[in-house]
Amino acid sequence: YWAPIGGLAASMGFEKYSPEITAAIMAG
């Protein structure tokens, strides 16, 4: 179970990850 993956999405106001958001997360 990966609660932080869902928690981060919820905190940033989106239901699913986009390529742009994913790239920003990995870079930041």
PDB file of all heavy atoms in Angstrom:
ATOM      1  N   TYR A   1       0.863  -1.189   0.000  1.00  0.00           N
ATOM      2  CA  TYR A   1       0.000   0.000   0.000  1.00  0.00           C
ATOM      3  C   TYR A   1       0.893   1.229   0.000  1.00  0.00           C
ATOM      4  O   TYR A   1       1.829   1.323   0.792  1.00  0.00           O
ATOM      5  CB  TYR A   1      -0.879  -0.030   1.257  1.00  0.00           C
ATOM      6  CG  TYR A   1      -1.953   1.024   1.332  1.00  0.00           C
ATOM      7  CD1 TYR A   1      -3.057   0.971   0.483  1.00  0.00           C
ATOM      8  CD2 TYR A   1      -1.878   2.045   2.277  1.00  0.00           C
ATOM      9  CE1 TYR A   1      -4.059   1.930   0.570  1.00  0.00           C
ATOM     10  CE2 TYR A   1      -2.877   3.003   2.378  1.00  0.00           C
ATOM     11  CZ  TYR A   1      -3.970   2.937   1.522  1.00  0.00           C
ATOM     12  OH  TYR A   1      -4.965   3.880   1.609  1.00  0.00           O
ATOM     13  N   TRP A   2       0.590   2.171  -0.904  1.00  0.00           N
ATOM     14  CA  TRP A   2       1.455   3.335  -1.102  1.00  0.00           C
ATOM     15  C   TRP A   2       0.704   4.621  -0.753  1.00  0.00           C
ATOM     16  O   TRP A   2       0.413   5.455  -1.602  1.00  0.00           O
ATOM     17  CB  TRP A   2       1.930   3.387  -2.553  1.00  0.00           C
ATOM     18  CG  TRP A   2       2.814   2.252  -2.957  1.00  0.00           C
ATOM     19  CD1 TRP A   2       2.459   0.941  -3.150  1.00  0.00           C
ATOM     20  CD2 TRP A   2       4.211   2.323  -3.222  1.00  0.00           C
ATOM     21  NE1 TRP A   2       3.543   0.194  -3.523  1.00  0.00           N
ATOM     22  CE2 TRP A   2       4.636   1.015  -3.581  1.00  0.00           C
ATOM     23  CE3 TRP A   2       5.148   3.355  -3.219  1.00  0.00           C
ATOM     24  CZ2 TRP A   2       5.955   0.710  -3.915  1.00  0.00           C
ATOM     25  CZ3 TRP A   2       6.465   3.055  -3.550  1.00  0.00           C
ATOM     26  CH2 TRP A   2       6.851   1.747  -3.892  1.00  0.00           C
ATOM     27  N   ALA A   3       0.431   4.809   0.537  1.00  0.00           N
ATOM     28  CA  ALA A   3      -0.347   5.973   0.973  1.00  0.00           C
ATOM     29  C   ALA A   3       0.274   7.315   0.572  1.00  0.00           C
ATOM     30  O   ALA A   3      -0.446   8.224   0.134  1.00  0.00           O
ATOM     31  CB  ALA A   3      -0.562   5.917   2.481  1.00  0.00           C
ATOM     32  N   PRO A   4       1.616   7.521   0.693  1.00  0.00           N
ATOM     33  CA  PRO A   4       2.180   8.829   0.332  1.00  0.00           C
ATOM     34  C   PRO A   4       1.973   9.208  -1.135  1.00  0.00           C
ATOM     35  O   PRO A   4       1.893  10.396  -1.462  1.00  0.00           O
ATOM     36  CB  PRO A   4       3.667   8.671   0.655  1.00  0.00           C
ATOM     37  CG  PRO A   4       3.705   7.632   1.723  1.00  0.00           C
ATOM     38  CD  PRO A   4       2.634   6.662   1.336  1.00  0.00           C
ATOM     39  N   ILE A   5       1.898   8.199  -2.022  1.00  0.00           N
ATOM     40  CA  ILE A   5       1.673   8.505  -3.440  1.00  0.00           C
ATOM     41  C   ILE A   5       0.301   9.139  -3.623  1.00  0.00           C
ATOM     42  O   ILE A   5       0.133  10.113  -4.363  1.00  0.00           O
ATOM     43  CB  ILE A   5       1.791   7.225  -4.296  1.00  0.00           C
ATOM     44  CG1 ILE A   5       3.210   6.646  -4.213  1.00  0.00           C
ATOM     45  CG2 ILE A   5       1.418   7.496  -5.747  1.00  0.00           C
ATOM     46  CD1 ILE A   5       4.283   7.531  -4.785  1.00  0.00           C
ATOM     47  N   GLY A   6      -0.694   8.595  -2.931  1.00  0.00           N
ATOM     48  CA  GLY A   6      -2.027   9.189  -2.989  1.00  0.00           C
ATOM     49  C   GLY A   6      -2.109  10.496  -2.239  1.00  0.00           C
ATOM     50  O   GLY A   6      -2.782  11.438  -2.670  1.00  0.00           O
ATOM     51  N   GLY A   7      -1.406  10.569  -1.099  1.00  0.00           N
ATOM     52  CA  GLY A   7      -1.438  11.786  -0.293  1.00  0.00           C
ATOM     53  C   GLY A   7      -0.838  12.971  -1.013  1.00  0.00           C
ATOM     54  O   GLY A   7      -1.356  14.092  -0.932  1.00  0.00           O
ATOM     55  N   LEU A   8       0.245  12.738  -1.735  1.00  0.00           N
ATOM     56  CA  LEU A   8       0.872  13.820  -2.493  1.00  0.00           C
ATOM     57  C   LEU A   8      -0.063  14.327  -3.583  1.00  0.00           C
ATOM     58  O   LEU A   8      -0.205  15.537  -3.782  1.00  0.00           O
ATOM     59  CB  LEU A   8       2.183  13.339  -3.098  1.00  0.00           C
ATOM     60  CG  LEU A   8       2.951  14.362  -3.941  1.00  0.00           C
ATOM     61  CD1 LEU A   8       3.346  15.568  -3.104  1.00  0.00           C
ATOM     62  CD2 LEU A   8       4.190  13.720  -4.571  1.00  0.00           C
ATOM     63  N   ALA A   9      -0.706  13.384  -4.268  1.00  0.00           N
ATOM     64  CA  ALA A   9      -1.650  13.782  -5.320  1.00  0.00           C
ATOM     65  C   ALA A   9      -2.775  14.626  -4.739  1.00  0.00           C
ATOM     66  O   ALA A   9      -3.134  15.681  -5.283  1.00  0.00           O
ATOM     67  CB  ALA A   9      -2.207  12.536  -6.012  1.00  0.00           C
ATOM     68  N   ALA A  10      -3.327  14.176  -3.614  1.00  0.00           N
ATOM     69  CA  ALA A  10      -4.430  14.907  -2.992  1.00  0.00           C
ATOM     70  C   ALA A  10      -3.992  16.295  -2.531  1.00  0.00           C
ATOM     71  O   ALA A  10      -4.717  17.285  -2.702  1.00  0.00           O
ATOM     72  CB  ALA A  10      -4.978  14.106  -1.818  1.00  0.00           C
ATOM     73  N   SER A  11      -2.786  16.376  -1.964  1.00  0.00           N
ATOM     74  CA  SER A  11      -2.300  17.662  -1.463  1.00  0.00           C
ATOM     75  C   SER A  11      -2.060  18.665  -2.580  1.00  0.00           C
ATOM     76  O   SER A  11      -2.121  19.878  -2.366  1.00  0.00           O
ATOM     77  CB  SER A  11      -0.996  17.454  -0.675  1.00  0.00           C
ATOM     78  OG  SER A  11       0.079  17.108  -1.534  1.00  0.00           O
ATOM     79  N   MET A  12      -1.788  18.154  -3.798  1.00  0.00           N
ATOM     80  CA  MET A  12      -1.536  19.029  -4.935  1.00  0.00           C
ATOM     81  C   MET A  12      -2.783  19.223  -5.800  1.00  0.00           C
ATOM     82  O   MET A  12      -2.744  19.904  -6.817  1.00  0.00           O
ATOM     83  CB  MET A  12      -0.393  18.469  -5.782  1.00  0.00           C
ATOM     84  CG  MET A  12       0.932  18.408  -5.026  1.00  0.00           C
ATOM     85  SD  MET A  12       2.292  17.663  -5.983  1.00  0.00           S
ATOM     86  CE  MET A  12       2.575  18.927  -7.235  1.00  0.00           C
ATOM     87  N   GLY A  13      -3.882  18.583  -5.393  1.00  0.00           N
ATOM     88  CA  GLY A  13      -5.154  18.826  -6.041  1.00  0.00           C
ATOM     89  C   GLY A  13      -5.388  18.105  -7.351  1.00  0.00           C
ATOM     90  O   GLY A  13      -6.131  18.590  -8.205  1.00  0.00           O
ATOM     91  N   PHE A  14      -4.768  16.938  -7.545  1.00  0.00           N
ATOM     92  CA  PHE A  14      -5.038  16.178  -8.770  1.00  0.00           C
ATOM     93  C   PHE A  14      -5.309  14.720  -8.416  1.00  0.00           C
ATOM     94  O   PHE A  14      -4.896  14.223  -7.370  1.00  0.00           O
ATOM     95  CB  PHE A  14      -3.881  16.283  -9.768  1.00  0.00           C
ATOM     96  CG  PHE A  14      -2.543  15.831  -9.243  1.00  0.00           C
ATOM     97  CD1 PHE A  14      -2.153  14.490  -9.304  1.00  0.00           C
ATOM     98  CD2 PHE A  14      -1.647  16.742  -8.687  1.00  0.00           C
ATOM     99  CE1 PHE A  14      -0.933  14.071  -8.823  1.00  0.00           C
ATOM    100  CE2 PHE A  14      -0.412  16.329  -8.201  1.00  0.00           C
ATOM    101  CZ  PHE A  14      -0.063  14.996  -8.270  1.00  0.00           C
ATOM    102  N   GLU A  15      -6.052  14.036  -9.290  1.00  0.00           N
ATOM    103  CA  GLU A  15      -6.421  12.645  -9.048  1.00  0.00           C
ATOM    104  C   GLU A  15      -5.387  11.676  -9.600  1.00  0.00           C
ATOM    105  O   GLU A  15      -5.196  10.585  -9.052  1.00  0.00           O
ATOM    106  CB  GLU A  15      -7.784  12.341  -9.670  1.00  0.00           C
ATOM    107  CG  GLU A  15      -8.939  13.084  -9.005  1.00  0.00           C
ATOM    108  CD  GLU A  15     -10.271  12.681  -9.598  1.00  0.00           C
ATOM    109  OE1 GLU A  15     -10.300  11.828 -10.507  1.00  0.00           O
ATOM    110  OE2 GLU A  15     -11.300  13.223  -9.145  1.00  0.00           O
ATOM    111  N   LYS A  16      -4.744  12.049 -10.695  1.00  0.00           N
ATOM    112  CA  LYS A  16      -3.741  11.198 -11.318  1.00  0.00           C
ATOM    113  C   LYS A  16      -2.504  12.013 -11.649  1.00  0.00           C
ATOM    114  O   LYS A  16      -2.560  13.235 -11.801  1.00  0.00           O
ATOM    115  CB  LYS A  16      -4.295  10.548 -12.594  1.00  0.00           C
ATOM    116  CG  LYS A  16      -5.357   9.496 -12.338  1.00  0.00           C
ATOM    117  CD  LYS A  16      -5.698   8.756 -13.631  1.00  0.00           C
ATOM    118  CE  LYS A  16      -6.643   7.603 -13.366  1.00  0.00           C
ATOM    119  NZ  LYS A  16      -6.930   6.821 -14.591  1.00  0.00           N
ATOM    120  N   TYR A  17      -1.387  11.311 -11.783  1.00  0.00           N
ATOM    121  CA  TYR A  17      -0.127  11.956 -12.120  1.00  0.00           C
ATOM    122  C   TYR A  17      -0.024  12.143 -13.628  1.00  0.00           C
ATOM    123  O   TYR A  17      -0.347  11.238 -14.402  1.00  0.00           O
ATOM    124  CB  TYR A  17       1.054  11.109 -11.637  1.00  0.00           C
ATOM    125  CG  TYR A  17       1.228  11.129 -10.136  1.00  0.00           C
ATOM    126  CD1 TYR A  17       0.512  10.247  -9.328  1.00  0.00           C
ATOM    127  CD2 TYR A  17       2.095  12.032  -9.533  1.00  0.00           C
ATOM    128  CE1 TYR A  17       0.659  10.268  -7.946  1.00  0.00           C
ATOM    129  CE2 TYR A  17       2.249  12.058  -8.159  1.00  0.00           C
ATOM    130  CZ  TYR A  17       1.524  11.172  -7.367  1.00  0.00           C
ATOM    131  OH  TYR A  17       1.670  11.201  -6.003  1.00  0.00           O
ATOM    132  N   SER A  18       0.438  13.314 -14.032  1.00  0.00           N
ATOM    133  CA  SER A  18       0.736  13.579 -15.439  1.00  0.00           C
ATOM    134  C   SER A  18       2.245  13.467 -15.633  1.00  0.00           C
ATOM    135  O   SER A  18       3.008  13.535 -14.665  1.00  0.00           O
ATOM    136  CB  SER A  18       0.285  14.983 -15.822  1.00  0.00           C
ATOM    137  OG  SER A  18       1.092  15.956 -15.151  1.00  0.00           O
ATOM    138  N   PRO A  19       2.715  13.307 -16.870  1.00  0.00           N
ATOM    139  CA  PRO A  19       4.166  13.277 -17.104  1.00  0.00           C
ATOM    140  C   PRO A  19       4.872  14.523 -16.592  1.00  0.00           C
ATOM    141  O   PRO A  19       5.981  14.438 -16.043  1.00  0.00           O
ATOM    142  CB  PRO A  19       4.271  13.152 -18.626  1.00  0.00           C
ATOM    143  CG  PRO A  19       3.016  12.440 -19.021  1.00  0.00           C
ATOM    144  CD  PRO A  19       1.958  12.987 -18.095  1.00  0.00           C
ATOM    145  N   GLU A  20       4.224  15.685 -16.744  1.00  0.00           N
ATOM    146  CA  GLU A  20       4.852  16.941 -16.324  1.00  0.00           C
ATOM    147  C   GLU A  20       5.007  16.989 -14.808  1.00  0.00           C
ATOM    148  O   GLU A  20       6.061  17.387 -14.281  1.00  0.00           O
ATOM    149  CB  GLU A  20       4.005  18.129 -16.796  1.00  0.00           C
ATOM    150  CG  GLU A  20       3.937  18.304 -18.296  1.00  0.00           C
ATOM    151  CD  GLU A  20       3.024  17.294 -18.989  1.00  0.00           C
ATOM    152  OE1 GLU A  20       2.145  16.701 -18.313  1.00  0.00           O
ATOM    153  OE2 GLU A  20       3.206  17.078 -20.209  1.00  0.00           O
ATOM    154  N   ILE A  21       3.962  16.579 -14.091  1.00  0.00           N
ATOM    155  CA  ILE A  21       4.027  16.575 -12.630  1.00  0.00           C
ATOM    156  C   ILE A  21       5.058  15.563 -12.147  1.00  0.00           C
ATOM    157  O   ILE A  21       5.846  15.833 -11.241  1.00  0.00           O
ATOM    158  CB  ILE A  21       2.637  16.257 -12.037  1.00  0.00           C
ATOM    159  CG1 ILE A  21       1.691  17.437 -12.267  1.00  0.00           C
ATOM    160  CG2 ILE A  21       2.740  15.948 -10.548  1.00  0.00           C
ATOM    161  CD1 ILE A  21       0.258  17.155 -11.906  1.00  0.00           C
ATOM    162  N   THR A  22       5.092  14.404 -12.780  1.00  0.00           N
ATOM    163  CA  THR A  22       6.039  13.361 -12.394  1.00  0.00           C
ATOM    164  C   THR A  22       7.472  13.829 -12.589  1.00  0.00           C
ATOM    165  O   THR A  22       8.334  13.624 -11.728  1.00  0.00           O
ATOM    166  CB  THR A  22       5.790  12.079 -13.214  1.00  0.00           C
ATOM    167  OG1 THR A  22       4.439  11.663 -13.027  1.00  0.00           O
ATOM    168  CG2 THR A  22       6.726  10.969 -12.780  1.00  0.00           C
ATOM    169  N   ALA A  23       7.753  14.470 -13.713  1.00  0.00           N
ATOM    170  CA  ALA A  23       9.102  14.974 -13.977  1.00  0.00           C
ATOM    171  C   ALA A  23       9.501  16.011 -12.934  1.00  0.00           C
ATOM    172  O   ALA A  23      10.635  16.014 -12.445  1.00  0.00           O
ATOM    173  CB  ALA A  23       9.169  15.567 -15.379  1.00  0.00           C
ATOM    174  N   ALA A  24       8.564  16.878 -12.567  1.00  0.00           N
ATOM    175  CA  ALA A  24       8.854  17.922 -11.583  1.00  0.00           C
ATOM    176  C   ALA A  24       9.134  17.315 -10.209  1.00  0.00           C
ATOM    177  O   ALA A  24      10.043  17.753  -9.490  1.00  0.00           O
ATOM    178  CB  ALA A  24       7.680  18.892 -11.499  1.00  0.00           C
ATOM    179  N   ILE A  25       8.373  16.292  -9.851  1.00  0.00           N
ATOM    180  CA  ILE A  25       8.569  15.632  -8.557  1.00  0.00           C
ATOM    181  C   ILE A  25       9.938  14.977  -8.497  1.00  0.00           C
ATOM    182  O   ILE A  25      10.686  15.135  -7.528  1.00  0.00           O
ATOM    183  CB  ILE A  25       7.457  14.592  -8.315  1.00  0.00           C
ATOM    184  CG1 ILE A  25       6.128  15.304  -8.045  1.00  0.00           C
ATOM    185  CG2 ILE A  25       7.825  13.671  -7.144  1.00  0.00           C
ATOM    186  CD1 ILE A  25       4.940  14.380  -8.014  1.00  0.00           C
ATOM    187  N   MET A  26      10.292  14.247  -9.536  1.00  0.00           N
ATOM    188  CA  MET A  26      11.562  13.543  -9.542  1.00  0.00           C
ATOM    189  C   MET A  26      12.739  14.513  -9.572  1.00  0.00           C
ATOM    190  O   MET A  26      13.800  14.233  -9.019  1.00  0.00           O
ATOM    191  CB  MET A  26      11.645  12.591 -10.732  1.00  0.00           C
ATOM    192  CG  MET A  26      10.634  11.462 -10.690  1.00  0.00           C
ATOM    193  SD  MET A  26      10.654  10.527  -9.139  1.00  0.00           S
ATOM    194  CE  MET A  26      12.299   9.830  -9.170  1.00  0.00           C
ATOM    195  N   ALA A  27      12.548  15.658 -10.194  1.00  0.00           N
ATOM    196  CA  ALA A  27      13.626  16.642 -10.271  1.00  0.00           C
ATOM    197  C   ALA A  27      13.698  17.506  -9.022  1.00  0.00           C
ATOM    198  O   ALA A  27      14.713  18.134  -8.750  1.00  0.00           O
ATOM    199  CB  ALA A  27      13.428  17.534 -11.493  1.00  0.00           C
ATOM    200  N   GLY A  28      12.621  17.531  -8.235  1.00  0.00           N
ATOM    201  CA  GLY A  28      12.555  18.417  -7.089  1.00  0.00           C
ATOM    202  C   GLY A  28      12.318  17.724  -5.771  1.00  0.00           C
ATOM    203  O   GLY A  28      13.252  17.387  -5.037  1.00  0.00           O
TER     204      GLY A  28
END
